[in-house]
Structure formats: C-alpha cells, structure tokens
C-alpha cells in the first residue's frame, strides 16, 4: 500500500502515459501535474469543440486528485466504475486518492480503459 502522495501520483501517471500513444496529448507533465487531451474537432453537449479533456492528475496537500472527464459528460458511465473507486469520487468527476495498492490501481486502469473505448466509439480520439 502506497501512502506517499508523490508515489501515488507516479503510479497513476505511469498507468495513464500509454494513452499518449493512442491519440491523446499531454499538456501538463510535471512532478505534480499530468493531463491528457484529445485535440480533435468534435461536437459535445451541443457545442463544437476543437479539443476534449480526457483525464488529469494533480498532487494536493492531502491527496492526489484524478479528474475523469467522461463521468461529467456521460454520467451513466458511473455504473461502469468499480464501487471501491466510486467511494473516492467527490463531485461529478474527481477522485481523491490518499492511498493506493495494486487492486485500486487496477480499478483506475479499468476505468481509463473503458473511457478510452468510449472516446474511440464516439470518435473523440
């Protein structure tokens, strides 16, 4: 079980980085922030956009936040996220993580994979 926030951040970021090779771009990649964007022209929620946020990670004072945009744009996706991960959800799309083990990382990886597949299906990436 990892409780050091930098280790938690690095563990999750390592699970997110392969998505850069699958069409996402990282605009922030520092020691305490990381994000992924799709830079594609799409229509989302009735508006034309030339980009869409996928996910982001940030080290705060007491936890690491994982923003997962798909939960905001498609609330029904919540049903696809493991209940143990949903317990960490604050607000519509932000998980607050204070400790991580292989099981929780597996739930995060699964959510990201499902999110990626939905982005592909909707031609957002």
C-alpha atoms as a PDB file:
ATOM      1  CA  UNK A   1       0.000   0.000   0.000  1.00  0.00           C
ATOM      2  CA  UNK A   2       1.458   3.341  -1.052  1.00  0.00           C
ATOM      3  CA  UNK A   3       0.587   6.395   1.005  1.00  0.00           C
ATOM      4  CA  UNK A   4       3.244   8.846  -0.192  1.00  0.00           C
ATOM      5  CA  UNK A   5       1.435  11.303  -2.474  1.00  0.00           C
ATOM      6  CA  UNK A   6       4.293  11.542  -4.984  1.00  0.00           C
ATOM      7  CA  UNK A   7       4.426   7.750  -5.254  1.00  0.00           C
ATOM      8  CA  UNK A   8       0.651   7.629  -5.748  1.00  0.00           C
ATOM      9  CA  UNK A   9       0.906  10.304  -8.445  1.00  0.00           C
ATOM     10  CA  UNK A  10       3.762   8.500 -10.211  1.00  0.00           C
ATOM     11  CA  UNK A  11       1.917   5.172 -10.102  1.00  0.00           C
ATOM     12  CA  UNK A  12      -1.251   6.562 -11.652  1.00  0.00           C
ATOM     13  CA  UNK A  13       0.653   8.697 -14.177  1.00  0.00           C
ATOM     14  CA  UNK A  14       2.529   5.582 -15.339  1.00  0.00           C
ATOM     15  CA  UNK A  15      -0.857   3.970 -15.994  1.00  0.00           C
ATOM     16  CA  UNK A  16      -2.059   6.999 -17.955  1.00  0.00           C
ATOM     17  CA  UNK A  17       1.016   7.642 -20.099  1.00  0.00           C
ATOM     18  CA  UNK A  18       0.419   4.799 -22.606  1.00  0.00           C
ATOM     19  CA  UNK A  19      -2.684   6.684 -23.785  1.00  0.00           C
ATOM     20  CA  UNK A  20      -0.387   9.285 -25.347  1.00  0.00           C
ATOM     21  CA  UNK A  21       0.463   6.667 -27.974  1.00  0.00           C
ATOM     22  CA  UNK A  22      -3.267   6.112 -28.589  1.00  0.00           C
ATOM     23  CA  UNK A  23      -4.130   9.652 -29.669  1.00  0.00           C
ATOM     24  CA  UNK A  24      -4.081  11.778 -26.520  1.00  0.00           C
ATOM     25  CA  UNK A  25      -1.720  14.675 -25.854  1.00  0.00           C
ATOM     26  CA  UNK A  26      -0.269  15.638 -22.501  1.00  0.00           C
ATOM     27  CA  UNK A  27      -0.154  19.388 -21.959  1.00  0.00           C
ATOM     28  CA  UNK A  28       0.981  19.201 -18.336  1.00  0.00           C
ATOM     29  CA  UNK A  29       3.625  16.738 -17.285  1.00  0.00           C
ATOM     30  CA  UNK A  30       5.425  17.904 -14.184  1.00  0.00           C
ATOM     31  CA  UNK A  31       6.358  16.440 -10.823  1.00  0.00           C
ATOM     32  CA  UNK A  32       2.850  17.094  -9.503  1.00  0.00           C
ATOM     33  CA  UNK A  33       0.516  17.502 -12.512  1.00  0.00           C
ATOM     34  CA  UNK A  34      -0.314  15.456 -15.580  1.00  0.00           C
ATOM     35  CA  UNK A  35      -3.162  15.556 -18.055  1.00  0.00           C
ATOM     36  CA  UNK A  36      -4.434  14.051 -21.295  1.00  0.00           C
ATOM     37  CA  UNK A  37      -6.357  15.809 -24.065  1.00  0.00           C
ATOM     38  CA  UNK A  38      -7.776  14.791 -27.404  1.00  0.00           C
ATOM     39  CA  UNK A  39      -7.096  17.516 -29.937  1.00  0.00           C
ATOM     40  CA  UNK A  40      -9.835  16.618 -32.366  1.00  0.00           C
ATOM     41  CA  UNK A  41     -12.776  18.597 -33.710  1.00  0.00           C
ATOM     42  CA  UNK A  42     -15.928  17.187 -32.140  1.00  0.00           C
ATOM     43  CA  UNK A  43     -19.442  18.142 -31.093  1.00  0.00           C
ATOM     44  CA  UNK A  44     -20.050  17.599 -27.387  1.00  0.00           C
ATOM     45  CA  UNK A  45     -23.121  18.613 -25.410  1.00  0.00           C
ATOM     46  CA  UNK A  46     -24.368  20.553 -28.440  1.00  0.00           C
ATOM     47  CA  UNK A  47     -21.189  22.607 -28.868  1.00  0.00           C
ATOM     48  CA  UNK A  48     -18.424  22.350 -31.415  1.00  0.00           C
ATOM     49  CA  UNK A  49     -15.021  21.944 -29.814  1.00  0.00           C
ATOM     50  CA  UNK A  50     -11.501  21.513 -31.158  1.00  0.00           C
ATOM     51  CA  UNK A  51     -10.349  19.566 -28.100  1.00  0.00           C
ATOM     52  CA  UNK A  52     -11.687  17.465 -25.266  1.00  0.00           C
ATOM     53  CA  UNK A  53     -10.203  16.721 -21.877  1.00  0.00           C
ATOM     54  CA  UNK A  54      -9.796  13.039 -21.015  1.00  0.00           C
ATOM     55  CA  UNK A  55      -8.183  12.876 -17.582  1.00  0.00           C
ATOM     56  CA  UNK A  56      -5.872  14.747 -15.270  1.00  0.00           C
ATOM     57  CA  UNK A  57      -3.865  14.113 -12.167  1.00  0.00           C
ATOM     58  CA  UNK A  58      -2.686  16.559  -9.516  1.00  0.00           C
ATOM     59  CA  UNK A  59      -0.902  16.310  -6.176  1.00  0.00           C
ATOM     60  CA  UNK A  60      -2.608  18.393  -3.500  1.00  0.00           C
ATOM     61  CA  UNK A  61      -1.674  18.831   0.177  1.00  0.00           C
ATOM     62  CA  UNK A  62      -3.672  15.883   1.484  1.00  0.00           C
ATOM     63  CA  UNK A  63      -4.344  13.701  -1.564  1.00  0.00           C
ATOM     64  CA  UNK A  64      -3.932  13.137  -5.275  1.00  0.00           C
ATOM     65  CA  UNK A  65      -6.864  14.092  -7.463  1.00  0.00           C
ATOM     66  CA  UNK A  66      -7.786  12.208 -10.591  1.00  0.00           C
ATOM     67  CA  UNK A  67     -10.200  14.084 -12.822  1.00  0.00           C
ATOM     68  CA  UNK A  68     -12.008  11.769 -15.227  1.00  0.00           C
ATOM     69  CA  UNK A  69     -13.977  13.921 -17.637  1.00  0.00           C
ATOM     70  CA  UNK A  70     -16.133  11.122 -19.009  1.00  0.00           C
ATOM     71  CA  UNK A  71     -18.049  10.973 -15.719  1.00  0.00           C
ATOM     72  CA  UNK A  72     -19.031  14.599 -16.247  1.00  0.00           C
ATOM     73  CA  UNK A  73     -20.008  14.347 -19.909  1.00  0.00           C
ATOM     74  CA  UNK A  74     -21.583  10.878 -19.644  1.00  0.00           C
ATOM     75  CA  UNK A  75     -22.885  10.342 -16.067  1.00  0.00           C
ATOM     76  CA  UNK A  76     -24.155   6.860 -16.962  1.00  0.00           C
ATOM     77  CA  UNK A  77     -20.517   5.738 -17.084  1.00  0.00           C
ATOM     78  CA  UNK A  78     -20.583   5.726 -13.267  1.00  0.00           C
ATOM     79  CA  UNK A  79     -22.250   2.317 -13.494  1.00  0.00           C
ATOM     80  CA  UNK A  80     -19.116   1.010 -15.234  1.00  0.00           C
ATOM     81  CA  UNK A  81     -16.725   2.188 -12.497  1.00  0.00           C
ATOM     82  CA  UNK A  82     -15.871  -0.191  -9.658  1.00  0.00           C
ATOM     83  CA  UNK A  83     -17.674   0.680  -6.382  1.00  0.00           C
ATOM     84  CA  UNK A  84     -14.371   0.876  -4.468  1.00  0.00           C
ATOM     85  CA  UNK A  85     -13.187   3.587  -6.841  1.00  0.00           C
ATOM     86  CA  UNK A  86     -16.554   5.377  -6.729  1.00  0.00           C
ATOM     87  CA  UNK A  87     -16.147   5.724  -2.950  1.00  0.00           C
ATOM     88  CA  UNK A  88     -13.311   8.151  -3.696  1.00  0.00           C
ATOM     89  CA  UNK A  89     -15.418  10.322  -6.017  1.00  0.00           C
ATOM     90  CA  UNK A  90     -16.070  13.872  -4.831  1.00  0.00           C
ATOM     91  CA  UNK A  91     -18.289  15.961  -7.047  1.00  0.00           C
ATOM     92  CA  UNK A  92     -19.089  14.865 -10.580  1.00  0.00           C
ATOM     93  CA  UNK A  93     -15.735  13.726 -11.924  1.00  0.00           C
ATOM     94  CA  UNK A  94     -12.921  13.986  -9.364  1.00  0.00           C
ATOM     95  CA  UNK A  95     -11.473  11.130  -7.345  1.00  0.00           C
ATOM     96  CA  UNK A  96      -9.472  11.974  -4.214  1.00  0.00           C
ATOM     97  CA  UNK A  97      -6.827   9.335  -3.543  1.00  0.00           C
ATOM     98  CA  UNK A  98      -4.867   9.124  -0.284  1.00  0.00           C
ATOM     99  CA  UNK A  99      -3.502   5.592  -0.673  1.00  0.00           C
ATOM    100  CA  UNK A 100      -3.164   3.131  -3.497  1.00  0.00           C
ATOM    101  CA  UNK A 101      -2.480  -0.553  -3.886  1.00  0.00           C
ATOM    102  CA  UNK A 102      -2.486  -2.868  -6.901  1.00  0.00           C
ATOM    103  CA  UNK A 103      -6.219  -3.509  -6.583  1.00  0.00           C
ATOM    104  CA  UNK A 104      -7.183   0.182  -6.614  1.00  0.00           C
ATOM    105  CA  UNK A 105      -4.733   0.836  -9.448  1.00  0.00           C
ATOM    106  CA  UNK A 106      -6.454  -1.975 -11.346  1.00  0.00           C
ATOM    107  CA  UNK A 107      -9.812  -0.232 -10.874  1.00  0.00           C
ATOM    108  CA  UNK A 108      -8.320   3.048 -12.127  1.00  0.00           C
ATOM    109  CA  UNK A 109      -6.734   1.312 -15.125  1.00  0.00           C
ATOM    110  CA  UNK A 110     -10.049  -0.376 -15.920  1.00  0.00           C
ATOM    111  CA  UNK A 111     -11.933   2.951 -15.759  1.00  0.00           C
ATOM    112  CA  UNK A 112      -9.370   4.622 -18.037  1.00  0.00           C
ATOM    113  CA  UNK A 113      -9.572   1.729 -20.489  1.00  0.00           C
ATOM    114  CA  UNK A 114     -13.375   1.881 -20.590  1.00  0.00           C
ATOM    115  CA  UNK A 115     -13.168   5.642 -21.009  1.00  0.00           C
ATOM    116  CA  UNK A 116     -10.735   5.310 -23.877  1.00  0.00           C
ATOM    117  CA  UNK A 117     -13.032   2.828 -25.621  1.00  0.00           C
ATOM    118  CA  UNK A 118     -15.972   5.230 -25.288  1.00  0.00           C
ATOM    119  CA  UNK A 119     -13.870   8.091 -26.663  1.00  0.00           C
ATOM    120  CA  UNK A 120     -12.910   5.883 -29.626  1.00  0.00           C
ATOM    121  CA  UNK A 121     -16.507   4.755 -30.183  1.00  0.00           C
ATOM    122  CA  UNK A 122     -17.671   8.401 -30.186  1.00  0.00           C
ATOM    123  CA  UNK A 123     -14.738   9.344 -32.454  1.00  0.00           C
ATOM    124  CA  UNK A 124     -13.443  11.797 -29.874  1.00  0.00           C
ATOM    125  CA  UNK A 125      -9.902  10.478 -30.218  1.00  0.00           C
END
